[in-house]
PDB file of N, CA and C in Angstrom:
ATOM      1  N   MET A   1     -61.291  82.339  23.473  1.00  0.00           N
ATOM      2  CA  MET A   1     -60.565  81.199  23.984  1.00  0.00           C
ATOM      3  C   MET A   1     -59.577  80.726  22.923  1.00  0.00           C
ATOM      4  N   SER A   2     -58.384  80.397  23.349  1.00  0.00           N
ATOM      5  CA  SER A   2     -57.322  79.981  22.440  1.00  0.00           C
ATOM      6  C   SER A   2     -57.388  78.482  22.173  1.00  0.00           C
ATOM      7  N   ASP A   3     -57.027  78.090  20.951  1.00  0.00           N
ATOM      8  CA  ASP A   3     -56.950  76.675  20.587  1.00  0.00           C
ATOM      9  C   ASP A   3     -55.550  76.119  20.827  1.00  0.00           C
ATOM     10  N   ARG A   4     -54.689  76.942  21.367  1.00  0.00           N
ATOM     11  CA  ARG A   4     -53.312  76.548  21.596  1.00  0.00           C
ATOM     12  C   ARG A   4     -53.225  75.519  22.730  1.00  0.00           C
ATOM     13  N   ILE A   5     -52.428  74.465  22.519  1.00  0.00           N
ATOM     14  CA  ILE A   5     -52.219  73.441  23.534  1.00  0.00           C
ATOM     15  C   ILE A   5     -50.887  73.721  24.218  1.00  0.00           C
ATOM     16  N   VAL A   6     -50.918  73.765  25.528  1.00  0.00           N
ATOM     17  CA  VAL A   6     -49.713  74.002  26.305  1.00  0.00           C
ATOM     18  C   VAL A   6     -49.270  72.665  26.891  1.00  0.00           C
ATOM     19  N   LYS A   7     -48.034  72.277  26.573  1.00  0.00           N
ATOM     20  CA  LYS A   7     -47.495  71.036  27.121  1.00  0.00           C
ATOM     21  C   LYS A   7     -46.751  71.336  28.414  1.00  0.00           C
ATOM     22  N   LYS A   8     -46.980  70.521  29.411  1.00  0.00           N
ATOM     23  CA  LYS A   8     -46.280  70.657  30.683  1.00  0.00           C
ATOM     24  C   LYS A   8     -45.353  69.465  30.864  1.00  0.00           C
ATOM     25  N   GLU A   9     -44.180  69.739  31.404  1.00  0.00           N
ATOM     26  CA  GLU A   9     -43.269  68.652  31.748  1.00  0.00           C
ATOM     27  C   GLU A   9     -43.747  68.022  33.047  1.00  0.00           C
ATOM     28  N   VAL A  10     -43.849  66.713  33.056  1.00  0.00           N
ATOM     29  CA  VAL A  10     -44.316  66.003  34.232  1.00  0.00           C
ATOM     30  C   VAL A  10     -43.140  65.262  34.854  1.00  0.00           C
ATOM     31  N   ASN A  11     -42.920  65.487  36.138  1.00  0.00           N
ATOM     32  CA  ASN A  11     -41.880  64.778  36.870  1.00  0.00           C
ATOM     33  C   ASN A  11     -42.518  63.687  37.701  1.00  0.00           C
ATOM     34  N   ARG A  12     -41.954  62.505  37.636  1.00  0.00           N
ATOM     35  CA  ARG A  12     -42.418  61.400  38.481  1.00  0.00           C
ATOM     36  C   ARG A  12     -41.556  61.398  39.732  1.00  0.00           C
ATOM     37  N   ILE A  13     -42.207  61.462  40.882  1.00  0.00           N
ATOM     38  CA  ILE A  13     -41.520  61.556  42.168  1.00  0.00           C
ATOM     39  C   ILE A  13     -41.878  60.330  43.002  1.00  0.00           C
ATOM     40  N   ALA A  14     -40.877  59.753  43.671  1.00  0.00           N
ATOM     41  CA  ALA A  14     -41.098  58.576  44.510  1.00  0.00           C
ATOM     42  C   ALA A  14     -40.254  58.679  45.766  1.00  0.00           C
ATOM     43  N   THR A  15     -40.587  57.882  46.781  1.00  0.00           N
ATOM     44  CA  THR A  15     -39.770  57.770  47.991  1.00  0.00           C
ATOM     45  C   THR A  15     -39.543  56.291  48.287  1.00  0.00           C
ATOM     46  N   TRP A  16     -38.356  55.975  48.746  1.00  0.00           N
ATOM     47  CA  TRP A  16     -38.011  54.593  49.106  1.00  0.00           C
ATOM     48  C   TRP A  16     -37.209  54.580  50.386  1.00  0.00           C
ATOM     49  N   ASN A  17     -37.436  53.559  51.212  1.00  0.00           N
ATOM     50  CA  ASN A  17     -36.559  53.270  52.338  1.00  0.00           C
ATOM     51  C   ASN A  17     -35.580  52.221  51.826  1.00  0.00           C
ATOM     52  N   VAL A  18     -34.352  52.631  51.550  1.00  0.00           N
ATOM     53  CA  VAL A  18     -33.397  51.749  50.886  1.00  0.00           C
ATOM     54  C   VAL A  18     -32.610  50.862  51.855  1.00  0.00           C
ATOM     55  N   ARG A  19     -32.718  51.110  53.161  1.00  0.00           N
ATOM     56  CA  ARG A  19     -32.054  50.298  54.176  1.00  0.00           C
ATOM     57  C   ARG A  19     -30.561  50.155  53.945  1.00  0.00           C
ATOM     58  N   SER A  20     -29.909  51.252  53.700  1.00  0.00           N
ATOM     59  CA  SER A  20     -28.454  51.366  53.559  1.00  0.00           C
ATOM     60  C   SER A  20     -28.008  51.271  52.109  1.00  0.00           C
ATOM     61  N   LEU A  21     -27.182  52.230  51.728  1.00  0.00           N
ATOM     62  CA  LEU A  21     -26.548  52.195  50.413  1.00  0.00           C
ATOM     63  C   LEU A  21     -25.085  51.803  50.555  1.00  0.00           C
ATOM     64  N   GLY A  22     -24.740  51.161  51.678  1.00  0.00           N
ATOM     65  CA  GLY A  22     -23.371  50.740  51.907  1.00  0.00           C
ATOM     66  C   GLY A  22     -22.991  49.464  51.176  1.00  0.00           C
ATOM     67  N   VAL A  23     -23.944  48.796  50.584  1.00  0.00           N
ATOM     68  CA  VAL A  23     -23.689  47.547  49.867  1.00  0.00           C
ATOM     69  C   VAL A  23     -23.230  47.872  48.447  1.00  0.00           C
ATOM     70  N   ARG A  24     -22.165  47.249  48.012  1.00  0.00           N
ATOM     71  CA  ARG A  24     -21.617  47.494  46.675  1.00  0.00           C
ATOM     72  C   ARG A  24     -22.657  47.173  45.601  1.00  0.00           C
ATOM     73  N   GLY A  25     -22.842  48.101  44.683  1.00  0.00           N
ATOM     74  CA  GLY A  25     -23.755  47.902  43.565  1.00  0.00           C
ATOM     75  C   GLY A  25     -25.191  48.341  43.822  1.00  0.00           C
ATOM     76  N   LYS A  26     -25.506  48.719  45.056  1.00  0.00           N
ATOM     77  CA  LYS A  26     -26.889  49.084  45.378  1.00  0.00           C
ATOM     78  C   LYS A  26     -27.313  50.391  44.696  1.00  0.00           C
ATOM     79  N   LEU A  27     -26.403  51.371  44.622  1.00  0.00           N
ATOM     80  CA  LEU A  27     -26.744  52.628  43.959  1.00  0.00           C
ATOM     81  C   LEU A  27     -27.031  52.383  42.477  1.00  0.00           C
ATOM     82  N   GLU A  28     -26.246  51.529  41.836  1.00  0.00           N
ATOM     83  CA  GLU A  28     -26.475  51.196  40.429  1.00  0.00           C
ATOM     84  C   GLU A  28     -27.821  50.507  40.244  1.00  0.00           C
ATOM     85  N   ASN A  29     -28.200  49.653  41.189  1.00  0.00           N
ATOM     86  CA  ASN A  29     -29.496  48.987  41.143  1.00  0.00           C
ATOM     87  C   ASN A  29     -30.637  49.999  41.250  1.00  0.00           C
ATOM     88  N   ILE A  30     -30.471  50.979  42.127  1.00  0.00           N
ATOM     89  CA  ILE A  30     -31.493  52.024  42.278  1.00  0.00           C
ATOM     90  C   ILE A  30     -31.624  52.827  40.989  1.00  0.00           C
ATOM     91  N   GLU A  31     -30.498  53.142  40.344  1.00  0.00           N
ATOM     92  CA  GLU A  31     -30.542  53.876  39.073  1.00  0.00           C
ATOM     93  C   GLU A  31     -31.295  53.081  38.001  1.00  0.00           C
ATOM     94  N   LYS A  32     -31.050  51.780  37.944  1.00  0.00           N
ATOM     95  CA  LYS A  32     -31.773  50.931  36.976  1.00  0.00           C
ATOM     96  C   LYS A  32     -33.266  50.940  37.248  1.00  0.00           C
ATOM     97  N   GLU A  33     -33.649  50.856  38.520  1.00  0.00           N
ATOM     98  CA  GLU A  33     -35.067  50.878  38.876  1.00  0.00           C
ATOM     99  C   GLU A  33     -35.706  52.229  38.560  1.00  0.00           C
ATOM    100  N   MET A  34     -34.959  53.313  38.779  1.00  0.00           N
ATOM    101  CA  MET A  34     -35.488  54.639  38.441  1.00  0.00           C
ATOM    102  C   MET A  34     -35.755  54.744  36.940  1.00  0.00           C
ATOM    103  N   LYS A  35     -34.844  54.217  36.133  1.00  0.00           N
ATOM    104  CA  LYS A  35     -35.048  54.228  34.683  1.00  0.00           C
ATOM    105  C   LYS A  35     -36.244  53.367  34.305  1.00  0.00           C
ATOM    106  N   ARG A  36     -36.312  52.166  34.889  1.00  0.00           N
ATOM    107  CA  ARG A  36     -37.402  51.236  34.566  1.00  0.00           C
ATOM    108  C   ARG A  36     -38.767  51.822  34.922  1.00  0.00           C
ATOM    109  N   LEU A  37     -38.835  52.508  36.054  1.00  0.00           N
ATOM    110  CA  LEU A  37     -40.098  53.075  36.524  1.00  0.00           C
ATOM    111  C   LEU A  37     -40.314  54.508  36.049  1.00  0.00           C
ATOM    112  N   ASN A  38     -39.378  55.010  35.241  1.00  0.00           N
ATOM    113  CA  ASN A  38     -39.479  56.365  34.699  1.00  0.00           C
ATOM    114  C   ASN A  38     -39.611  57.404  35.811  1.00  0.00           C
ATOM    115  N   THR A  39     -38.774  57.263  36.851  1.00  0.00           N
ATOM    116  CA  THR A  39     -38.787  58.153  38.007  1.00  0.00           C
ATOM    117  C   THR A  39     -37.745  59.244  37.823  1.00  0.00           C
ATOM    118  N   ASP A  40     -38.158  60.495  37.997  1.00  0.00           N
ATOM    119  CA  ASP A  40     -37.261  61.639  37.837  1.00  0.00           C
ATOM    120  C   ASP A  40     -36.602  62.056  39.147  1.00  0.00           C
ATOM    121  N   ILE A  41     -37.374  62.010  40.234  1.00  0.00           N
ATOM    122  CA  ILE A  41     -36.894  62.454  41.539  1.00  0.00           C
ATOM    123  C   ILE A  41     -37.187  61.356  42.548  1.00  0.00           C
ATOM    124  N   LEU A  42     -36.166  60.963  43.322  1.00  0.00           N
ATOM    125  CA  LEU A  42     -36.336  59.898  44.301  1.00  0.00           C
ATOM    126  C   LEU A  42     -35.820  60.368  45.650  1.00  0.00           C
ATOM    127  N   GLY A  43     -36.672  60.327  46.665  1.00  0.00           N
ATOM    128  CA  GLY A  43     -36.258  60.607  48.034  1.00  0.00           C
ATOM    129  C   GLY A  43     -35.957  59.280  48.712  1.00  0.00           C
ATOM    130  N   MET A  44     -34.775  59.169  49.301  1.00  0.00           N
ATOM    131  CA  MET A  44     -34.380  57.909  49.933  1.00  0.00           C
ATOM    132  C   MET A  44     -34.143  58.135  51.417  1.00  0.00           C
ATOM    133  N   SER A  45     -34.623  57.209  52.228  1.00  0.00           N
ATOM    134  CA  SER A  45     -34.359  57.280  53.660  1.00  0.00           C
ATOM    135  C   SER A  45     -33.502  56.097  54.073  1.00  0.00           C
ATOM    136  N   ASP A  46     -32.825  56.265  55.197  1.00  0.00           N
ATOM    137  CA  ASP A  46     -32.009  55.207  55.797  1.00  0.00           C
ATOM    138  C   ASP A  46     -30.836  54.802  54.909  1.00  0.00           C
ATOM    139  N   ILE A  47     -30.171  55.795  54.266  1.00  0.00           N
ATOM    140  CA  ILE A  47     -29.061  55.462  53.364  1.00  0.00           C
ATOM    141  C   ILE A  47     -27.783  55.107  54.113  1.00  0.00           C
ATOM    142  N   LYS A  48     -27.631  55.600  55.337  1.00  0.00           N
ATOM    143  CA  LYS A  48     -26.493  55.289  56.207  1.00  0.00           C
ATOM    144  C   LYS A  48     -25.142  55.654  55.588  1.00  0.00           C
ATOM    145  N   TRP A  49     -25.022  56.876  55.097  1.00  0.00           N
ATOM    146  CA  TRP A  49     -23.749  57.399  54.607  1.00  0.00           C
ATOM    147  C   TRP A  49     -23.219  58.432  55.580  1.00  0.00           C
ATOM    148  N   LYS A  50     -21.903  58.622  55.592  1.00  0.00           N
ATOM    149  CA  LYS A  50     -21.281  59.624  56.458  1.00  0.00           C
ATOM    150  C   LYS A  50     -21.415  61.023  55.877  1.00  0.00           C
ATOM    151  N   ASP A  51     -21.514  61.989  56.783  1.00  0.00           N
ATOM    152  CA  ASP A  51     -21.464  63.413  56.446  1.00  0.00           C
ATOM    153  C   ASP A  51     -22.545  63.826  55.456  1.00  0.00           C
ATOM    154  N   GLU A  52     -22.237  64.786  54.587  1.00  0.00           N
ATOM    155  CA  GLU A  52     -23.199  65.262  53.589  1.00  0.00           C
ATOM    156  C   GLU A  52     -22.445  65.674  52.346  1.00  0.00           C
ATOM    157  N   GLY A  53     -23.144  65.708  51.214  1.00  0.00           N
ATOM    158  CA  GLY A  53     -22.499  66.101  49.974  1.00  0.00           C
ATOM    159  C   GLY A  53     -23.391  65.848  48.778  1.00  0.00           C
ATOM    160  N   ASN A  54     -22.786  65.913  47.596  1.00  0.00           N
ATOM    161  CA  ASN A  54     -23.517  65.623  46.373  1.00  0.00           C
ATOM    162  C   ASN A  54     -22.537  65.245  45.274  1.00  0.00           C
ATOM    163  N   PHE A  55     -23.013  64.480  44.305  1.00  0.00           N
ATOM    164  CA  PHE A  55     -22.196  64.054  43.175  1.00  0.00           C
ATOM    165  C   PHE A  55     -23.119  63.585  42.053  1.00  0.00           C
ATOM    166  N   TRP A  56     -22.560  63.437  40.876  1.00  0.00           N
ATOM    167  CA  TRP A  56     -23.305  62.911  39.726  1.00  0.00           C
ATOM    168  C   TRP A  56     -22.971  61.433  39.562  1.00  0.00           C
ATOM    169  N   SER A  57     -23.987  60.622  39.339  1.00  0.00           N
ATOM    170  CA  SER A  57     -23.832  59.203  39.064  1.00  0.00           C
ATOM    171  C   SER A  57     -24.689  58.897  37.846  1.00  0.00           C
ATOM    172  N   GLU A  58     -24.042  58.550  36.738  1.00  0.00           N
ATOM    173  CA  GLU A  58     -24.753  58.397  35.455  1.00  0.00           C
ATOM    174  C   GLU A  58     -25.454  59.726  35.152  1.00  0.00           C
ATOM    175  N   ASN A  59     -26.759  59.693  34.917  1.00  0.00           N
ATOM    176  CA  ASN A  59     -27.529  60.902  34.607  1.00  0.00           C
ATOM    177  C   ASN A  59     -28.269  61.449  35.819  1.00  0.00           C
ATOM    178  N   TYR A  60     -27.930  60.963  37.005  1.00  0.00           N
ATOM    179  CA  TYR A  60     -28.642  61.363  38.209  1.00  0.00           C
ATOM    180  C   TYR A  60     -27.723  62.122  39.153  1.00  0.00           C
ATOM    181  N   ARG A  61     -28.254  63.168  39.758  1.00  0.00           N
ATOM    182  CA  ARG A  61     -27.511  63.881  40.792  1.00  0.00           C
ATOM    183  C   ARG A  61     -27.934  63.314  42.131  1.00  0.00           C
ATOM    184  N   VAL A  62     -26.973  62.960  42.959  1.00  0.00           N
ATOM    185  CA  VAL A  62     -27.231  62.403  44.277  1.00  0.00           C
ATOM    186  C   VAL A  62     -26.866  63.465  45.307  1.00  0.00           C
ATOM    187  N   ILE A  63     -27.828  63.851  46.121  1.00  0.00           N
ATOM    188  CA  ILE A  63     -27.636  64.814  47.202  1.00  0.00           C
ATOM    189  C   ILE A  63     -27.983  64.071  48.487  1.00  0.00           C
ATOM    190  N   TYR A  64     -27.066  64.073  49.466  1.00  0.00           N
ATOM    191  CA  TYR A  64     -27.298  63.264  50.656  1.00  0.00           C
ATOM    192  C   TYR A  64     -26.857  63.981  51.922  1.00  0.00           C
ATOM    193  N   SER A  65     -27.390  63.511  53.045  1.00  0.00           N
ATOM    194  CA  SER A  65     -27.022  64.018  54.354  1.00  0.00           C
ATOM    195  C   SER A  65     -27.083  62.859  55.341  1.00  0.00           C
ATOM    196  N   GLY A  66     -25.981  62.656  56.051  1.00  0.00           N
ATOM    197  CA  GLY A  66     -25.924  61.578  57.044  1.00  0.00           C
ATOM    198  C   GLY A  66     -25.337  62.085  58.338  1.00  0.00           C
ATOM    199  N   ASP A  67     -24.782  61.174  59.128  1.00  0.00           N
ATOM    200  CA  ASP A  67     -24.153  61.567  60.375  1.00  0.00           C
ATOM    201  C   ASP A  67     -22.695  61.117  60.390  1.00  0.00           C
ATOM    202  N   LYS A  68     -22.003  61.321  61.491  1.00  0.00           N
ATOM    203  CA  LYS A  68     -20.574  60.985  61.584  1.00  0.00           C
ATOM    204  C   LYS A  68     -20.322  59.474  61.567  1.00  0.00           C
ATOM    205  N   ASN A  69     -21.287  58.689  62.041  1.00  0.00           N
ATOM    206  CA  ASN A  69     -21.075  57.270  62.219  1.00  0.00           C
ATOM    207  C   ASN A  69     -21.794  56.365  61.216  1.00  0.00           C
ATOM    208  N   SER A  70     -22.379  56.934  60.196  1.00  0.00           N
ATOM    209  CA  SER A  70     -23.124  56.159  59.189  1.00  0.00           C
ATOM    210  C   SER A  70     -24.303  55.388  59.771  1.00  0.00           C
ATOM    211  N   ASN A  71     -24.970  55.958  60.768  1.00  0.00           N
ATOM    212  CA  ASN A  71     -26.130  55.300  61.373  1.00  0.00           C
ATOM    213  C   ASN A  71     -27.448  55.741  60.767  1.00  0.00           C
ATOM    214  N   THR A  72     -27.460  56.935  60.168  1.00  0.00           N
ATOM    215  CA  THR A  72     -28.701  57.486  59.630  1.00  0.00           C
ATOM    216  C   THR A  72     -28.409  58.087  58.264  1.00  0.00           C
ATOM    217  N   GLY A  73     -29.367  58.787  57.719  1.00  0.00           N
ATOM    218  CA  GLY A  73     -29.114  59.535  56.497  1.00  0.00           C
ATOM    219  C   GLY A  73     -30.266  59.503  55.512  1.00  0.00           C
ATOM    220  N   VAL A  74     -30.342  60.552  54.710  1.00  0.00           N
ATOM    221  CA  VAL A  74     -31.344  60.661  53.661  1.00  0.00           C
ATOM    222  C   VAL A  74     -30.663  61.099  52.373  1.00  0.00           C
ATOM    223  N   GLY A  75     -31.295  60.794  51.268  1.00  0.00           N
ATOM    224  CA  GLY A  75     -30.744  61.179  49.972  1.00  0.00           C
ATOM    225  C   GLY A  75     -31.823  61.668  49.055  1.00  0.00           C
TER     226      GLY A  75
END
């Protein structure tokens, strides 16, 4: 048996119903909360953004999918 210690990277994963990211400053608020809670991956429902895409915001990559009318969406 080996005395070697193997370190594993641990990712903290969470899900939130954000009830629309159409409000100015809401994405920045979510980023602050992710940092505060040490969350690496966040699944968001009800973001209400149009179409689909991805972009970088601060140190976080945002990947999203919505509809034509901004009625639904996940991120």
